[in-house]
Amino acid sequence: SAHVGNFELAAHCLHQDKKQFYSL
């Protein structure tokens, strides 16, 4: 992603239980 919009909300709208996310 990039520093546009509000990417942190992706954690909320793309929530799933199959994989772990690792955010830099």
mmCIF file of all heavy atoms, coordinates in Angstrom:
data_MODEL
# 
_entry.id   MODEL 
# 
loop_
_atom_site.group_PDB 
_atom_site.id 
_atom_site.type_symbol 
_atom_site.label_atom_id 
_atom_site.label_alt_id 
_atom_site.label_comp_id 
_atom_site.label_asym_id 
_atom_site.label_entity_id 
_atom_site.label_seq_id 
_atom_site.pdbx_PDB_ins_code 
_atom_site.Cartn_x 
_atom_site.Cartn_y 
_atom_site.Cartn_z 
_atom_site.occupancy 
_atom_site.B_iso_or_equiv 
_atom_site.pdbx_formal_charge 
_atom_site.auth_seq_id 
_atom_site.auth_comp_id 
_atom_site.auth_asym_id 
_atom_site.auth_atom_id 
_atom_site.pdbx_PDB_model_num 
ATOM 1   N N   . SER A 1 1  ? 0.857   -1.177  0.000  1.00 0.00 ? 1  SER A N   1 
ATOM 2   C CA  . SER A 1 1  ? 0.000   0.000   0.000  1.00 0.00 ? 1  SER A CA  1 
ATOM 3   C C   . SER A 1 1  ? 0.898   1.233   0.000  1.00 0.00 ? 1  SER A C   1 
ATOM 4   O O   . SER A 1 1  ? 2.096   1.135   -0.283 1.00 0.00 ? 1  SER A O   1 
ATOM 5   C CB  . SER A 1 1  ? -0.953  -0.001  1.193  1.00 0.00 ? 1  SER A CB  1 
ATOM 6   O OG  . SER A 1 1  ? -1.970  0.973   1.008  1.00 0.00 ? 1  SER A OG  1 
ATOM 7   N N   . ALA A 1 2  ? 0.317   2.401   0.306  1.00 0.00 ? 2  ALA A N   1 
ATOM 8   C CA  . ALA A 1 2  ? 1.086   3.648   0.291  1.00 0.00 ? 2  ALA A CA  1 
ATOM 9   C C   . ALA A 1 2  ? 0.469   4.607   1.296  1.00 0.00 ? 2  ALA A C   1 
ATOM 10  O O   . ALA A 1 2  ? -0.572  4.317   1.903  1.00 0.00 ? 2  ALA A O   1 
ATOM 11  C CB  . ALA A 1 2  ? 1.077   4.247   -1.114 1.00 0.00 ? 2  ALA A CB  1 
ATOM 12  N N   . HIS A 1 3  ? 1.105   5.746   1.468  1.00 0.00 ? 3  HIS A N   1 
ATOM 13  C CA  . HIS A 1 3  ? 0.605   6.748   2.411  1.00 0.00 ? 3  HIS A CA  1 
ATOM 14  C C   . HIS A 1 3  ? -0.462  7.602   1.729  1.00 0.00 ? 3  HIS A C   1 
ATOM 15  O O   . HIS A 1 3  ? -0.303  8.798   1.502  1.00 0.00 ? 3  HIS A O   1 
ATOM 16  C CB  . HIS A 1 3  ? 1.760   7.587   2.950  1.00 0.00 ? 3  HIS A CB  1 
ATOM 17  C CG  . HIS A 1 3  ? 2.656   6.792   3.842  1.00 0.00 ? 3  HIS A CG  1 
ATOM 18  N ND1 . HIS A 1 3  ? 3.654   5.969   3.361  1.00 0.00 ? 3  HIS A ND1 1 
ATOM 19  C CD2 . HIS A 1 3  ? 2.683   6.664   5.199  1.00 0.00 ? 3  HIS A CD2 1 
ATOM 20  C CE1 . HIS A 1 3  ? 4.271   5.383   4.384  1.00 0.00 ? 3  HIS A CE1 1 
ATOM 21  N NE2 . HIS A 1 3  ? 3.706   5.787   5.500  1.00 0.00 ? 3  HIS A NE2 1 
ATOM 22  N N   . VAL A 1 4  ? -1.541  6.934   1.404  1.00 0.00 ? 4  VAL A N   1 
ATOM 23  C CA  . VAL A 1 4  ? -2.737  7.557   0.842  1.00 0.00 ? 4  VAL A CA  1 
ATOM 24  C C   . VAL A 1 4  ? -3.933  6.941   1.565  1.00 0.00 ? 4  VAL A C   1 
ATOM 25  O O   . VAL A 1 4  ? -3.865  5.815   2.059  1.00 0.00 ? 4  VAL A O   1 
ATOM 26  C CB  . VAL A 1 4  ? -2.852  7.307   -0.680 1.00 0.00 ? 4  VAL A CB  1 
ATOM 27  C CG1 . VAL A 1 4  ? -1.670  7.898   -1.420 1.00 0.00 ? 4  VAL A CG1 1 
ATOM 28  C CG2 . VAL A 1 4  ? -2.988  5.812   -0.990 1.00 0.00 ? 4  VAL A CG2 1 
ATOM 29  N N   . GLY A 1 5  ? -5.031  7.693   1.635  1.00 0.00 ? 5  GLY A N   1 
ATOM 30  C CA  . GLY A 1 5  ? -6.220  7.147   2.286  1.00 0.00 ? 5  GLY A CA  1 
ATOM 31  C C   . GLY A 1 5  ? -5.945  6.766   3.733  1.00 0.00 ? 5  GLY A C   1 
ATOM 32  O O   . GLY A 1 5  ? -5.229  7.445   4.455  1.00 0.00 ? 5  GLY A O   1 
ATOM 33  N N   . ASN A 1 6  ? -6.524  5.650   4.150  1.00 0.00 ? 6  ASN A N   1 
ATOM 34  C CA  . ASN A 1 6  ? -6.414  5.194   5.545  1.00 0.00 ? 6  ASN A CA  1 
ATOM 35  C C   . ASN A 1 6  ? -6.245  3.684   5.566  1.00 0.00 ? 6  ASN A C   1 
ATOM 36  O O   . ASN A 1 6  ? -7.183  2.940   5.828  1.00 0.00 ? 6  ASN A O   1 
ATOM 37  C CB  . ASN A 1 6  ? -7.661  5.598   6.339  1.00 0.00 ? 6  ASN A CB  1 
ATOM 38  C CG  . ASN A 1 6  ? -7.502  5.385   7.840  1.00 0.00 ? 6  ASN A CG  1 
ATOM 39  O OD1 . ASN A 1 6  ? -6.522  4.797   8.292  1.00 0.00 ? 6  ASN A OD1 1 
ATOM 40  N ND2 . ASN A 1 6  ? -8.467  5.863   8.602  1.00 0.00 ? 6  ASN A ND2 1 
ATOM 41  N N   . PHE A 1 7  ? -5.019  3.233   5.299  1.00 0.00 ? 7  PHE A N   1 
ATOM 42  C CA  . PHE A 1 7  ? -4.788  1.800   5.146  1.00 0.00 ? 7  PHE A CA  1 
ATOM 43  C C   . PHE A 1 7  ? -5.038  1.014   6.437  1.00 0.00 ? 7  PHE A C   1 
ATOM 44  O O   . PHE A 1 7  ? -5.363  -0.168  6.382  1.00 0.00 ? 7  PHE A O   1 
ATOM 45  C CB  . PHE A 1 7  ? -3.371  1.529   4.646  1.00 0.00 ? 7  PHE A CB  1 
ATOM 46  C CG  . PHE A 1 7  ? -3.101  0.071   4.422  1.00 0.00 ? 7  PHE A CG  1 
ATOM 47  C CD1 . PHE A 1 7  ? -3.640  -0.577  3.322  1.00 0.00 ? 7  PHE A CD1 1 
ATOM 48  C CD2 . PHE A 1 7  ? -2.364  -0.675  5.325  1.00 0.00 ? 7  PHE A CD2 1 
ATOM 49  C CE1 . PHE A 1 7  ? -3.426  -1.936  3.116  1.00 0.00 ? 7  PHE A CE1 1 
ATOM 50  C CE2 . PHE A 1 7  ? -2.143  -2.031  5.134  1.00 0.00 ? 7  PHE A CE2 1 
ATOM 51  C CZ  . PHE A 1 7  ? -2.668  -2.660  4.025  1.00 0.00 ? 7  PHE A CZ  1 
ATOM 52  N N   . GLU A 1 8  ? -4.891  1.647   7.603  1.00 0.00 ? 8  GLU A N   1 
ATOM 53  C CA  . GLU A 1 8  ? -5.065  0.904   8.847  1.00 0.00 ? 8  GLU A CA  1 
ATOM 54  C C   . GLU A 1 8  ? -6.454  0.300   8.969  1.00 0.00 ? 8  GLU A C   1 
ATOM 55  O O   . GLU A 1 8  ? -6.654  -0.701  9.669  1.00 0.00 ? 8  GLU A O   1 
ATOM 56  C CB  . GLU A 1 8  ? -4.741  1.792   10.050 1.00 0.00 ? 8  GLU A CB  1 
ATOM 57  C CG  . GLU A 1 8  ? -3.253  2.095   10.144 1.00 0.00 ? 8  GLU A CG  1 
ATOM 58  C CD  . GLU A 1 8  ? -2.824  2.522   11.531 1.00 0.00 ? 8  GLU A CD  1 
ATOM 59  O OE1 . GLU A 1 8  ? -3.350  1.972   12.512 1.00 0.00 ? 8  GLU A OE1 1 
ATOM 60  O OE2 . GLU A 1 8  ? -1.969  3.398   11.626 1.00 0.00 ? 8  GLU A OE2 1 
ATOM 61  N N   . LEU A 1 9  ? -7.449  0.882   8.285  1.00 0.00 ? 9  LEU A N   1 
ATOM 62  C CA  . LEU A 1 9  ? -8.790  0.313   8.315  1.00 0.00 ? 9  LEU A CA  1 
ATOM 63  C C   . LEU A 1 9  ? -8.870  -1.000  7.548  1.00 0.00 ? 9  LEU A C   1 
ATOM 64  O O   . LEU A 1 9  ? -9.869  -1.713  7.647  1.00 0.00 ? 9  LEU A O   1 
ATOM 65  C CB  . LEU A 1 9  ? -9.812  1.305   7.756  1.00 0.00 ? 9  LEU A CB  1 
ATOM 66  C CG  . LEU A 1 9  ? -10.239 2.432   8.705  1.00 0.00 ? 9  LEU A CG  1 
ATOM 67  C CD1 . LEU A 1 9  ? -11.202 3.370   8.003  1.00 0.00 ? 9  LEU A CD1 1 
ATOM 68  C CD2 . LEU A 1 9  ? -10.879 1.869   9.964  1.00 0.00 ? 9  LEU A CD2 1 
ATOM 69  N N   . ALA A 1 10 ? -7.823  -1.319  6.781  1.00 0.00 ? 10 ALA A N   1 
ATOM 70  C CA  . ALA A 1 10 ? -7.800  -2.602  6.069  1.00 0.00 ? 10 ALA A CA  1 
ATOM 71  C C   . ALA A 1 10 ? -7.853  -3.760  7.057  1.00 0.00 ? 10 ALA A C   1 
ATOM 72  O O   . ALA A 1 10 ? -8.415  -4.821  6.764  1.00 0.00 ? 10 ALA A O   1 
ATOM 73  C CB  . ALA A 1 10 ? -6.559  -2.709  5.199  1.00 0.00 ? 10 ALA A CB  1 
ATOM 74  N N   . ALA A 1 11 ? -7.263  -3.569  8.229  1.00 0.00 ? 11 ALA A N   1 
ATOM 75  C CA  . ALA A 1 11 ? -7.302  -4.620  9.252  1.00 0.00 ? 11 ALA A CA  1 
ATOM 76  C C   . ALA A 1 11 ? -8.738  -4.940  9.637  1.00 0.00 ? 11 ALA A C   1 
ATOM 77  O O   . ALA A 1 11 ? -9.071  -6.088  9.941  1.00 0.00 ? 11 ALA A O   1 
ATOM 78  C CB  . ALA A 1 11 ? -6.515  -4.171  10.487 1.00 0.00 ? 11 ALA A CB  1 
ATOM 79  N N   . HIS A 1 12 ? -9.569  -3.924  9.612  1.00 0.00 ? 12 HIS A N   1 
ATOM 80  C CA  . HIS A 1 12 ? -10.978 -4.109  9.979  1.00 0.00 ? 12 HIS A CA  1 
ATOM 81  C C   . HIS A 1 12 ? -11.790 -4.725  8.836  1.00 0.00 ? 12 HIS A C   1 
ATOM 82  O O   . HIS A 1 12 ? -12.501 -5.709  9.027  1.00 0.00 ? 12 HIS A O   1 
ATOM 83  C CB  . HIS A 1 12 ? -11.568 -2.756  10.382 1.00 0.00 ? 12 HIS A CB  1 
ATOM 84  C CG  . HIS A 1 12 ? -13.052 -2.767  10.602 1.00 0.00 ? 12 HIS A CG  1 
ATOM 85  N ND1 . HIS A 1 12 ? -13.657 -3.614  11.503 1.00 0.00 ? 12 HIS A ND1 1 
ATOM 86  C CD2 . HIS A 1 12 ? -14.051 -2.044  10.028 1.00 0.00 ? 12 HIS A CD2 1 
ATOM 87  C CE1 . HIS A 1 12 ? -14.967 -3.393  11.495 1.00 0.00 ? 12 HIS A CE1 1 
ATOM 88  N NE2 . HIS A 1 12 ? -15.219 -2.464  10.597 1.00 0.00 ? 12 HIS A NE2 1 
ATOM 89  N N   . CYS A 1 13 ? -11.636 -4.168  7.616  1.00 0.00 ? 13 CYS A N   1 
ATOM 90  C CA  . CYS A 1 13 ? -12.498 -4.626  6.524  1.00 0.00 ? 13 CYS A CA  1 
ATOM 91  C C   . CYS A 1 13 ? -11.994 -5.880  5.831  1.00 0.00 ? 13 CYS A C   1 
ATOM 92  O O   . CYS A 1 13 ? -12.754 -6.553  5.122  1.00 0.00 ? 13 CYS A O   1 
ATOM 93  C CB  . CYS A 1 13 ? -12.696 -3.509  5.500  1.00 0.00 ? 13 CYS A CB  1 
ATOM 94  S SG  . CYS A 1 13 ? -11.193 -2.991  4.649  1.00 0.00 ? 13 CYS A SG  1 
ATOM 95  N N   . LEU A 1 14 ? -10.724 -6.238  6.019  1.00 0.00 ? 14 LEU A N   1 
ATOM 96  C CA  . LEU A 1 14 ? -10.176 -7.443  5.392  1.00 0.00 ? 14 LEU A CA  1 
ATOM 97  C C   . LEU A 1 14 ? -9.894  -8.534  6.425  1.00 0.00 ? 14 LEU A C   1 
ATOM 98  O O   . LEU A 1 14 ? -9.098  -9.435  6.188  1.00 0.00 ? 14 LEU A O   1 
ATOM 99  C CB  . LEU A 1 14 ? -8.890  -7.108  4.627  1.00 0.00 ? 14 LEU A CB  1 
ATOM 100 C CG  . LEU A 1 14 ? -9.024  -6.099  3.487  1.00 0.00 ? 14 LEU A CG  1 
ATOM 101 C CD1 . LEU A 1 14 ? -7.670  -5.836  2.843  1.00 0.00 ? 14 LEU A CD1 1 
ATOM 102 C CD2 . LEU A 1 14 ? -10.026 -6.583  2.435  1.00 0.00 ? 14 LEU A CD2 1 
ATOM 103 N N   . HIS A 1 15 ? -10.561 -8.451  7.554  1.00 0.00 ? 15 HIS A N   1 
ATOM 104 C CA  . HIS A 1 15 ? -10.322 -9.420  8.625  1.00 0.00 ? 15 HIS A CA  1 
ATOM 105 C C   . HIS A 1 15 ? -10.674 -10.837 8.169  1.00 0.00 ? 15 HIS A C   1 
ATOM 106 O O   . HIS A 1 15 ? -11.709 -11.066 7.546  1.00 0.00 ? 15 HIS A O   1 
ATOM 107 C CB  . HIS A 1 15 ? -11.159 -9.051  9.848  1.00 0.00 ? 15 HIS A CB  1 
ATOM 108 C CG  . HIS A 1 15 ? -10.956 -9.975  10.996 1.00 0.00 ? 15 HIS A CG  1 
ATOM 109 N ND1 . HIS A 1 15 ? -11.983 -10.412 11.796 1.00 0.00 ? 15 HIS A ND1 1 
ATOM 110 C CD2 . HIS A 1 15 ? -9.833  -10.565 11.470 1.00 0.00 ? 15 HIS A CD2 1 
ATOM 111 C CE1 . HIS A 1 15 ? -11.501 -11.225 12.722 1.00 0.00 ? 15 HIS A CE1 1 
ATOM 112 N NE2 . HIS A 1 15 ? -10.207 -11.330 12.547 1.00 0.00 ? 15 HIS A NE2 1 
ATOM 113 N N   . GLN A 1 16 ? -9.792  -11.778 8.454  1.00 0.00 ? 16 GLN A N   1 
ATOM 114 C CA  . GLN A 1 16 ? -10.005 -13.191 8.129  1.00 0.00 ? 16 GLN A CA  1 
ATOM 115 C C   . GLN A 1 16 ? -9.230  -14.036 9.140  1.00 0.00 ? 16 GLN A C   1 
ATOM 116 O O   . GLN A 1 16 ? -8.405  -13.510 9.898  1.00 0.00 ? 16 GLN A O   1 
ATOM 117 C CB  . GLN A 1 16 ? -9.562  -13.491 6.695  1.00 0.00 ? 16 GLN A CB  1 
ATOM 118 C CG  . GLN A 1 16 ? -8.200  -12.910 6.315  1.00 0.00 ? 16 GLN A CG  1 
ATOM 119 C CD  . GLN A 1 16 ? -7.030  -13.676 6.904  1.00 0.00 ? 16 GLN A CD  1 
ATOM 120 O OE1 . GLN A 1 16 ? -6.993  -14.896 6.823  1.00 0.00 ? 16 GLN A OE1 1 
ATOM 121 N NE2 . GLN A 1 16 ? -6.093  -12.973 7.510  1.00 0.00 ? 16 GLN A NE2 1 
ATOM 122 N N   . ASP A 1 17 ? -9.523  -15.314 9.185  1.00 0.00 ? 17 ASP A N   1 
ATOM 123 C CA  . ASP A 1 17 ? -8.926  -16.193 10.199 1.00 0.00 ? 17 ASP A CA  1 
ATOM 124 C C   . ASP A 1 17 ? -7.973  -17.237 9.625  1.00 0.00 ? 17 ASP A C   1 
ATOM 125 O O   . ASP A 1 17 ? -7.531  -18.124 10.346 1.00 0.00 ? 17 ASP A O   1 
ATOM 126 C CB  . ASP A 1 17 ? -10.042 -16.913 10.981 1.00 0.00 ? 17 ASP A CB  1 
ATOM 127 C CG  . ASP A 1 17 ? -10.930 -15.946 11.733 1.00 0.00 ? 17 ASP A CG  1 
ATOM 128 O OD1 . ASP A 1 17 ? -10.381 -15.019 12.373 1.00 0.00 ? 17 ASP A OD1 1 
ATOM 129 O OD2 . ASP A 1 17 ? -12.173 -16.101 11.682 1.00 0.00 ? 17 ASP A OD2 1 
ATOM 130 N N   . LYS A 1 18 ? -7.666  -17.145 8.343  1.00 0.00 ? 18 LYS A N   1 
ATOM 131 C CA  . LYS A 1 18 ? -6.855  -18.184 7.705  1.00 0.00 ? 18 LYS A CA  1 
ATOM 132 C C   . LYS A 1 18 ? -5.359  -17.882 7.728  1.00 0.00 ? 18 LYS A C   1 
ATOM 133 O O   . LYS A 1 18 ? -4.545  -18.798 7.670  1.00 0.00 ? 18 LYS A O   1 
ATOM 134 C CB  . LYS A 1 18 ? -7.318  -18.389 6.264  1.00 0.00 ? 18 LYS A CB  1 
ATOM 135 C CG  . LYS A 1 18 ? -8.759  -18.908 6.171  1.00 0.00 ? 18 LYS A CG  1 
ATOM 136 C CD  . LYS A 1 18 ? -9.202  -19.074 4.740  1.00 0.00 ? 18 LYS A CD  1 
ATOM 137 C CE  . LYS A 1 18 ? -10.632 -19.596 4.694  1.00 0.00 ? 18 LYS A CE  1 
ATOM 138 N NZ  . LYS A 1 18 ? -11.118 -19.747 3.293  1.00 0.00 ? 18 LYS A NZ  1 
ATOM 139 N N   . LYS A 1 19 ? -5.004  -16.606 7.781  1.00 0.00 ? 19 LYS A N   1 
ATOM 140 C CA  . LYS A 1 19 ? -3.589  -16.229 7.748  1.00 0.00 ? 19 LYS A CA  1 
ATOM 141 C C   . LYS A 1 19 ? -3.294  -15.161 8.792  1.00 0.00 ? 19 LYS A C   1 
ATOM 142 O O   . LYS A 1 19 ? -4.181  -14.417 9.216  1.00 0.00 ? 19 LYS A O   1 
ATOM 143 C CB  . LYS A 1 19 ? -3.203  -15.690 6.359  1.00 0.00 ? 19 LYS A CB  1 
ATOM 144 C CG  . LYS A 1 19 ? -3.138  -16.745 5.260  1.00 0.00 ? 19 LYS A CG  1 
ATOM 145 C CD  . LYS A 1 19 ? -2.745  -16.102 3.933  1.00 0.00 ? 19 LYS A CD  1 
ATOM 146 C CE  . LYS A 1 19 ? -2.633  -17.134 2.819  1.00 0.00 ? 19 LYS A CE  1 
ATOM 147 N NZ  . LYS A 1 19 ? -1.441  -17.985 2.967  1.00 0.00 ? 19 LYS A NZ  1 
ATOM 148 N N   . GLN A 1 20 ? -2.035  -15.098 9.170  1.00 0.00 ? 20 GLN A N   1 
ATOM 149 C CA  . GLN A 1 20 ? -1.554  -14.024 10.019 1.00 0.00 ? 20 GLN A CA  1 
ATOM 150 C C   . GLN A 1 20 ? -1.018  -12.897 9.138  1.00 0.00 ? 20 GLN A C   1 
ATOM 151 O O   . GLN A 1 20 ? -0.385  -13.138 8.117  1.00 0.00 ? 20 GLN A O   1 
ATOM 152 C CB  . GLN A 1 20 ? -0.443  -14.522 10.945 1.00 0.00 ? 20 GLN A CB  1 
ATOM 153 C CG  . GLN A 1 20 ? -0.905  -15.480 12.034 1.00 0.00 ? 20 GLN A CG  1 
ATOM 154 C CD  . GLN A 1 20 ? -1.679  -14.774 13.133 1.00 0.00 ? 20 GLN A CD  1 
ATOM 155 O OE1 . GLN A 1 20 ? -1.311  -13.692 13.590 1.00 0.00 ? 20 GLN A OE1 1 
ATOM 156 N NE2 . GLN A 1 20 ? -2.764  -15.382 13.555 1.00 0.00 ? 20 GLN A NE2 1 
ATOM 157 N N   . PHE A 1 21 ? -1.309  -11.650 9.531  1.00 0.00 ? 21 PHE A N   1 
ATOM 158 C CA  . PHE A 1 21 ? -0.727  -10.488 8.881  1.00 0.00 ? 21 PHE A CA  1 
ATOM 159 C C   . PHE A 1 21 ? 0.513   -10.062 9.664  1.00 0.00 ? 21 PHE A C   1 
ATOM 160 O O   . PHE A 1 21 ? 0.528   -10.110 10.896 1.00 0.00 ? 21 PHE A O   1 
ATOM 161 C CB  . PHE A 1 21 ? -1.705  -9.311  8.878  1.00 0.00 ? 21 PHE A CB  1 
ATOM 162 C CG  . PHE A 1 21 ? -2.861  -9.456  7.933  1.00 0.00 ? 21 PHE A CG  1 
ATOM 163 C CD1 . PHE A 1 21 ? -4.164  -9.482  8.395  1.00 0.00 ? 21 PHE A CD1 1 
ATOM 164 C CD2 . PHE A 1 21 ? -2.647  -9.545  6.564  1.00 0.00 ? 21 PHE A CD2 1 
ATOM 165 C CE1 . PHE A 1 21 ? -5.237  -9.600  7.537  1.00 0.00 ? 21 PHE A CE1 1 
ATOM 166 C CE2 . PHE A 1 21 ? -3.713  -9.658  5.686  1.00 0.00 ? 21 PHE A CE2 1 
ATOM 167 C CZ  . PHE A 1 21 ? -5.009  -9.688  6.178  1.00 0.00 ? 21 PHE A CZ  1 
ATOM 168 N N   . TYR A 1 22 ? 1.532   -9.617  8.955  1.00 0.00 ? 22 TYR A N   1 
ATOM 169 C CA  . TYR A 1 22 ? 2.718   -9.032  9.585  1.00 0.00 ? 22 TYR A CA  1 
ATOM 170 C C   . TYR A 1 22 ? 2.947   -7.680  8.928  1.00 0.00 ? 22 TYR A C   1 
ATOM 171 O O   . TYR A 1 22 ? 3.300   -7.602  7.752  1.00 0.00 ? 22 TYR A O   1 
ATOM 172 C CB  . TYR A 1 22 ? 3.933   -9.939  9.419  1.00 0.00 ? 22 TYR A CB  1 
ATOM 173 C CG  . TYR A 1 22 ? 3.852   -11.183 10.262 1.00 0.00 ? 22 TYR A CG  1 
ATOM 174 C CD1 . TYR A 1 22 ? 3.168   -12.317 9.792  1.00 0.00 ? 22 TYR A CD1 1 
ATOM 175 C CD2 . TYR A 1 22 ? 4.418   -11.239 11.522 1.00 0.00 ? 22 TYR A CD2 1 
ATOM 176 C CE1 . TYR A 1 22 ? 3.063   -13.467 10.570 1.00 0.00 ? 22 TYR A CE1 1 
ATOM 177 C CE2 . TYR A 1 22 ? 4.335   -12.383 12.311 1.00 0.00 ? 22 TYR A CE2 1 
ATOM 178 C CZ  . TYR A 1 22 ? 3.646   -13.485 11.831 1.00 0.00 ? 22 TYR A CZ  1 
ATOM 179 O OH  . TYR A 1 22 ? 3.541   -14.620 12.604 1.00 0.00 ? 22 TYR A OH  1 
ATOM 180 N N   . SER A 1 23 ? 2.713   -6.617  9.687  1.00 0.00 ? 23 SER A N   1 
ATOM 181 C CA  . SER A 1 23 ? 2.784   -5.273  9.143  1.00 0.00 ? 23 SER A CA  1 
ATOM 182 C C   . SER A 1 23 ? 4.083   -4.587  9.530  1.00 0.00 ? 23 SER A C   1 
ATOM 183 O O   . SER A 1 23 ? 4.463   -4.553  10.701 1.00 0.00 ? 23 SER A O   1 
ATOM 184 C CB  . SER A 1 23 ? 1.593   -4.446  9.641  1.00 0.00 ? 23 SER A CB  1 
ATOM 185 O OG  . SER A 1 23 ? 1.632   -3.142  9.115  1.00 0.00 ? 23 SER A OG  1 
ATOM 186 N N   . LEU A 1 24 ? 4.773   -4.036  8.529  1.00 0.00 ? 24 LEU A N   1 
ATOM 187 C CA  . LEU A 1 24 ? 6.022   -3.317  8.767  1.00 0.00 ? 24 LEU A CA  1 
ATOM 188 C C   . LEU A 1 24 ? 5.692   -1.921  9.278  1.00 0.00 ? 24 LEU A C   1 
ATOM 189 O O   . LEU A 1 24 ? 4.935   -1.185  8.641  1.00 0.00 ? 24 LEU A O   1 
ATOM 190 C CB  . LEU A 1 24 ? 6.814   -3.218  7.462  1.00 0.00 ? 24 LEU A CB  1 
ATOM 191 C CG  . LEU A 1 24 ? 8.334   -3.224  7.565  1.00 0.00 ? 24 LEU A CG  1 
ATOM 192 C CD1 . LEU A 1 24 ? 8.824   -4.546  8.136  1.00 0.00 ? 24 LEU A CD1 1 
ATOM 193 C CD2 . LEU A 1 24 ? 8.965   -2.976  6.207  1.00 0.00 ? 24 LEU A CD2 1 
# 
